[in-house]
PDB file of N, CA and C in Angstrom:
ATOM      1  N   MET A   1       0.752  -1.201   0.016  1.00  0.00           N
ATOM      2  CA  MET A   1       0.029   0.190   0.043  1.00  0.00           C
ATOM      3  C   MET A   1       1.017   1.219   0.266  1.00  0.00           C
ATOM      4  N   LEU A   2       1.917   1.339   0.736  1.00  0.00           N
ATOM      5  CA  LEU A   2       2.727   2.412   0.705  1.00  0.00           C
ATOM      6  C   LEU A   2       3.478   3.040  -0.456  1.00  0.00           C
ATOM      7  N   THR A   3       3.598   2.042  -1.367  1.00  0.00           N
ATOM      8  CA  THR A   3       4.233   2.301  -2.702  1.00  0.00           C
ATOM      9  C   THR A   3       3.165   2.266  -3.706  1.00  0.00           C
ATOM     10  N   SER A   4       1.984   2.227  -3.463  1.00  0.00           N
ATOM     11  CA  SER A   4       0.873   2.101  -4.600  1.00  0.00           C
ATOM     12  C   SER A   4       0.681   3.398  -5.179  1.00  0.00           C
ATOM     13  N   MET A   5       0.364   3.322  -6.368  1.00  0.00           N
ATOM     14  CA  MET A   5       0.227   4.570  -7.180  1.00  0.00           C
ATOM     15  C   MET A   5      -1.133   5.420  -6.951  1.00  0.00           C
ATOM     16  N   ASP A   6      -1.908   4.778  -5.898  1.00  0.00           N
ATOM     17  CA  ASP A   6      -3.208   5.419  -5.525  1.00  0.00           C
ATOM     18  C   ASP A   6      -2.948   6.203  -4.430  1.00  0.00           C
ATOM     19  N   PHE A   7      -1.633   6.358  -3.955  1.00  0.00           N
ATOM     20  CA  PHE A   7      -1.393   7.238  -2.855  1.00  0.00           C
ATOM     21  C   PHE A   7      -0.142   8.068  -3.309  1.00  0.00           C
ATOM     22  N   GLU A   8       0.326   9.199  -2.612  1.00  0.00           N
ATOM     23  CA  GLU A   8       1.166  10.053  -2.935  1.00  0.00           C
ATOM     24  C   GLU A   8       1.739  10.787  -1.626  1.00  0.00           C
ATOM     25  N   TRP A   9       3.029  10.574  -1.442  1.00  0.00           N
ATOM     26  CA  TRP A   9       3.746  11.277  -0.174  1.00  0.00           C
ATOM     27  C   TRP A   9       4.012  12.691  -0.391  1.00  0.00           C
ATOM     28  N   LYS A  10       3.761  13.619   0.395  1.00  0.00           N
ATOM     29  CA  LYS A  10       3.795  14.987   0.315  1.00  0.00           C
ATOM     30  C   LYS A  10       4.520  15.506   1.616  1.00  0.00           C
ATOM     31  N   LYS A  11       5.596  16.543   1.498  1.00  0.00           N
ATOM     32  CA  LYS A  11       5.933  17.207   2.720  1.00  0.00           C
ATOM     33  C   LYS A  11       4.787  17.832   3.495  1.00  0.00           C
ATOM     34  N   THR A  12       4.876  17.715   4.939  1.00  0.00           N
ATOM     35  CA  THR A  12       3.799  18.575   5.746  1.00  0.00           C
ATOM     36  C   THR A  12       4.590  19.623   6.295  1.00  0.00           C
ATOM     37  N   ASP A  13       5.909  20.016   6.246  1.00  0.00           N
ATOM     38  CA  ASP A  13       6.598  20.955   6.940  1.00  0.00           C
ATOM     39  C   ASP A  13       7.574  21.669   5.967  1.00  0.00           C
ATOM     40  N   ALA A  14       7.887  22.766   6.089  1.00  0.00           N
ATOM     41  CA  ALA A  14       8.965  23.466   5.283  1.00  0.00           C
ATOM     42  C   ALA A  14      10.401  22.856   5.154  1.00  0.00           C
ATOM     43  N   GLN A  15      10.712  22.115   6.169  1.00  0.00           N
ATOM     44  CA  GLN A  15      12.023  21.575   6.421  1.00  0.00           C
ATOM     45  C   GLN A  15      12.113  20.294   5.686  1.00  0.00           C
ATOM     46  N   GLY A  16      11.192  19.701   5.360  1.00  0.00           N
ATOM     47  CA  GLY A  16      10.802  18.395   4.539  1.00  0.00           C
ATOM     48  C   GLY A  16      11.275  17.250   5.665  1.00  0.00           C
ATOM     49  N   THR A  17      10.972  17.337   6.806  1.00  0.00           N
ATOM     50  CA  THR A  17      11.127  16.229   7.812  1.00  0.00           C
ATOM     51  C   THR A  17      10.106  15.344   8.287  1.00  0.00           C
ATOM     52  N   SER A  18       8.736  15.921   7.859  1.00  0.00           N
ATOM     53  CA  SER A  18       7.724  15.165   8.148  1.00  0.00           C
ATOM     54  C   SER A  18       6.869  15.152   6.794  1.00  0.00           C
ATOM     55  N   PHE A  19       6.216  13.884   6.632  1.00  0.00           N
ATOM     56  CA  PHE A  19       5.325  13.520   5.342  1.00  0.00           C
ATOM     57  C   PHE A  19       4.061  12.954   5.681  1.00  0.00           C
ATOM     58  N   SER A  20       3.332  13.198   4.736  1.00  0.00           N
ATOM     59  CA  SER A  20       2.014  12.327   4.725  1.00  0.00           C
ATOM     60  C   SER A  20       1.719  11.717   3.545  1.00  0.00           C
ATOM     61  N   LEU A  21       1.101  10.456   3.707  1.00  0.00           N
ATOM     62  CA  LEU A  21       0.680   9.733   2.447  1.00  0.00           C
ATOM     63  C   LEU A  21      -0.756   9.806   2.327  1.00  0.00           C
ATOM     64  N   ASN A  22      -1.003  10.728   1.256  1.00  0.00           N
ATOM     65  CA  ASN A  22      -2.476  11.041   0.795  1.00  0.00           C
ATOM     66  C   ASN A  22      -2.951  10.098  -0.286  1.00  0.00           C
ATOM     67  N   ASP A  23      -4.359   9.928  -0.244  1.00  0.00           N
ATOM     68  CA  ASP A  23      -5.044   9.253  -1.163  1.00  0.00           C
ATOM     69  C   ASP A  23      -5.230  10.292  -2.470  1.00  0.00           C
ATOM     70  N   ARG A  24      -4.783   9.732  -3.625  1.00  0.00           N
ATOM     71  CA  ARG A  24      -4.820  10.678  -4.761  1.00  0.00           C
ATOM     72  C   ARG A  24      -5.976  11.162  -5.146  1.00  0.00           C
ATOM     73  N   GLU A  25      -7.074  10.175  -4.948  1.00  0.00           N
ATOM     74  CA  GLU A  25      -8.348  10.558  -5.309  1.00  0.00           C
ATOM     75  C   GLU A  25      -9.236  11.771  -4.390  1.00  0.00           C
ATOM     76  N   THR A  26      -9.019  11.322  -3.058  1.00  0.00           N
ATOM     77  CA  THR A  26      -9.744  12.300  -2.080  1.00  0.00           C
ATOM     78  C   THR A  26      -8.738  13.363  -1.433  1.00  0.00           C
ATOM     79  N   GLY A  27      -7.356  12.990  -1.515  1.00  0.00           N
ATOM     80  CA  GLY A  27      -6.559  13.995  -0.928  1.00  0.00           C
ATOM     81  C   GLY A  27      -6.392  13.957   0.585  1.00  0.00           C
ATOM     82  N   GLN A  28      -7.079  12.973   1.140  1.00  0.00           N
ATOM     83  CA  GLN A  28      -7.150  12.722   2.550  1.00  0.00           C
ATOM     84  C   GLN A  28      -5.920  11.991   2.949  1.00  0.00           C
ATOM     85  N   PRO A  29      -5.169  12.339   4.113  1.00  0.00           N
ATOM     86  CA  PRO A  29      -4.053  11.660   4.669  1.00  0.00           C
ATOM     87  C   PRO A  29      -4.294  10.406   5.067  1.00  0.00           C
ATOM     88  N   ARG A  30      -3.539   9.326   4.755  1.00  0.00           N
ATOM     89  CA  ARG A  30      -3.707   7.992   5.275  1.00  0.00           C
ATOM     90  C   ARG A  30      -2.735   7.615   6.360  1.00  0.00           C
ATOM     91  N   PHE A  31      -1.577   8.018   6.258  1.00  0.00           N
ATOM     92  CA  PHE A  31      -0.324   7.751   7.209  1.00  0.00           C
ATOM     93  C   PHE A  31       0.431   9.060   7.283  1.00  0.00           C
ATOM     94  N   THR A  32       1.204   9.184   8.385  1.00  0.00           N
ATOM     95  CA  THR A  32       2.147  10.207   8.491  1.00  0.00           C
ATOM     96  C   THR A  32       3.730   9.627   8.933  1.00  0.00           C
ATOM     97  N   ALA A  33       4.682  10.149   8.522  1.00  0.00           N
ATOM     98  CA  ALA A  33       5.969   9.525   8.955  1.00  0.00           C
ATOM     99  C   ALA A  33       7.104  10.648   8.756  1.00  0.00           C
ATOM    100  N   THR A  34       8.097  10.402   9.636  1.00  0.00           N
ATOM    101  CA  THR A  34       9.225  11.438   9.470  1.00  0.00           C
ATOM    102  C   THR A  34      10.141  10.977   8.478  1.00  0.00           C
ATOM    103  N   ARG A  35      11.196  11.909   8.065  1.00  0.00           N
ATOM    104  CA  ARG A  35      12.165  11.393   7.322  1.00  0.00           C
ATOM    105  C   ARG A  35      12.894  10.106   7.747  1.00  0.00           C
ATOM    106  N   SER A  36      13.087  10.055   9.024  1.00  0.00           N
ATOM    107  CA  SER A  36      13.941   8.866   9.650  1.00  0.00           C
ATOM    108  C   SER A  36      12.820   7.624   9.572  1.00  0.00           C
ATOM    109  N   ASP A  37      11.775   7.645   9.574  1.00  0.00           N
ATOM    110  CA  ASP A  37      10.878   6.598   9.484  1.00  0.00           C
ATOM    111  C   ASP A  37      10.967   5.921   8.048  1.00  0.00           C
ATOM    112  N   LEU A  38      10.920   6.892   7.041  1.00  0.00           N
ATOM    113  CA  LEU A  38      10.998   6.377   5.613  1.00  0.00           C
ATOM    114  C   LEU A  38      12.416   5.928   5.298  1.00  0.00           C
ATOM    115  N   VAL A  39      13.580   6.570   5.922  1.00  0.00           N
ATOM    116  CA  VAL A  39      14.937   6.043   5.600  1.00  0.00           C
ATOM    117  C   VAL A  39      15.121   4.580   6.198  1.00  0.00           C
ATOM    118  N   PHE A  40      14.951   4.533   7.568  1.00  0.00           N
ATOM    119  CA  PHE A  40      15.038   3.138   8.302  1.00  0.00           C
ATOM    120  C   PHE A  40      14.092   2.168   7.765  1.00  0.00           C
ATOM    121  N   GLY A  41      12.932   2.628   7.394  1.00  0.00           N
ATOM    122  CA  GLY A  41      11.810   1.528   6.846  1.00  0.00           C
ATOM    123  C   GLY A  41      12.152   1.106   5.353  1.00  0.00           C
ATOM    124  N   ALA A  42      12.958   1.758   4.578  1.00  0.00           N
ATOM    125  CA  ALA A  42      13.204   1.496   3.160  1.00  0.00           C
ATOM    126  C   ALA A  42      14.624   0.668   3.135  1.00  0.00           C
ATOM    127  N   ASN A  43      15.498   0.680   4.104  1.00  0.00           N
ATOM    128  CA  ASN A  43      16.635   0.103   3.997  1.00  0.00           C
ATOM    129  C   ASN A  43      16.862  -0.992   4.970  1.00  0.00           C
ATOM    130  N   SER A  44      16.988  -2.241   4.385  1.00  0.00           N
ATOM    131  CA  SER A  44      16.892  -3.415   5.303  1.00  0.00           C
ATOM    132  C   SER A  44      18.008  -3.444   6.128  1.00  0.00           C
ATOM    133  N   GLN A  45      19.256  -3.139   5.651  1.00  0.00           N
ATOM    134  CA  GLN A  45      20.543  -3.047   6.446  1.00  0.00           C
ATOM    135  C   GLN A  45      20.305  -2.322   7.803  1.00  0.00           C
ATOM    136  N   LEU A  46      19.637  -1.055   7.652  1.00  0.00           N
ATOM    137  CA  LEU A  46      19.347  -0.147   8.679  1.00  0.00           C
ATOM    138  C   LEU A  46      18.562  -0.705   9.527  1.00  0.00           C
ATOM    139  N   GLN A  47      17.418  -1.250   9.096  1.00  0.00           N
ATOM    140  CA  GLN A  47      16.522  -2.159   9.885  1.00  0.00           C
ATOM    141  C   GLN A  47      17.211  -3.199  10.749  1.00  0.00           C
ATOM    142  N   ALA A  48      18.053  -3.850  10.373  1.00  0.00           N
ATOM    143  CA  ALA A  48      18.700  -4.938  10.886  1.00  0.00           C
ATOM    144  C   ALA A  48      19.653  -4.389  11.951  1.00  0.00           C
ATOM    145  N   ALA A  49      20.171  -3.266  11.683  1.00  0.00           N
ATOM    146  CA  ALA A  49      21.146  -2.862  12.804  1.00  0.00           C
ATOM    147  C   ALA A  49      20.324  -2.183  13.909  1.00  0.00           C
ATOM    148  N   THR A  50      19.206  -1.555  13.674  1.00  0.00           N
ATOM    149  CA  THR A  50      18.469  -0.753  14.815  1.00  0.00           C
ATOM    150  C   THR A  50      17.588  -2.118  15.428  1.00  0.00           C
ATOM    151  N   ALA A  51      17.344  -3.313  14.917  1.00  0.00           N
ATOM    152  CA  ALA A  51      16.774  -4.208  15.524  1.00  0.00           C
ATOM    153  C   ALA A  51      17.852  -4.882  16.369  1.00  0.00           C
ATOM    154  N   THR A  52      18.784  -5.016  16.103  1.00  0.00           N
ATOM    155  CA  THR A  52      20.047  -5.533  16.861  1.00  0.00           C
ATOM    156  C   THR A  52      20.386  -4.847  18.004  1.00  0.00           C
ATOM    157  N   SER A  53      20.486  -3.692  17.673  1.00  0.00           N
ATOM    158  CA  SER A  53      20.864  -2.561  18.917  1.00  0.00           C
ATOM    159  C   SER A  53      19.913  -2.345  19.763  1.00  0.00           C
ATOM    160  N   ALA A  54      18.394  -2.578  19.521  1.00  0.00           N
ATOM    161  CA  ALA A  54      17.155  -2.322  20.372  1.00  0.00           C
ATOM    162  C   ALA A  54      17.087  -3.392  21.407  1.00  0.00           C
ATOM    163  N   SER A  55      17.773  -4.641  21.002  1.00  0.00           N
ATOM    164  CA  SER A  55      17.455  -5.966  21.829  1.00  0.00           C
ATOM    165  C   SER A  55      18.466  -5.972  22.811  1.00  0.00           C
TER     166      SER A  55
END
């Protein structure tokens, strides 16, 4: 769903550190995320490193 073409990521602040995932048809936000959420969520090596250090 997060990569579906039915949705669009948009910046929600001037610095570009916060984003919302909006439905393209309605414009309604479905999810919100920070830049860090998107970087760590998209990179499997960073995910593994954070999971290891958190345990």
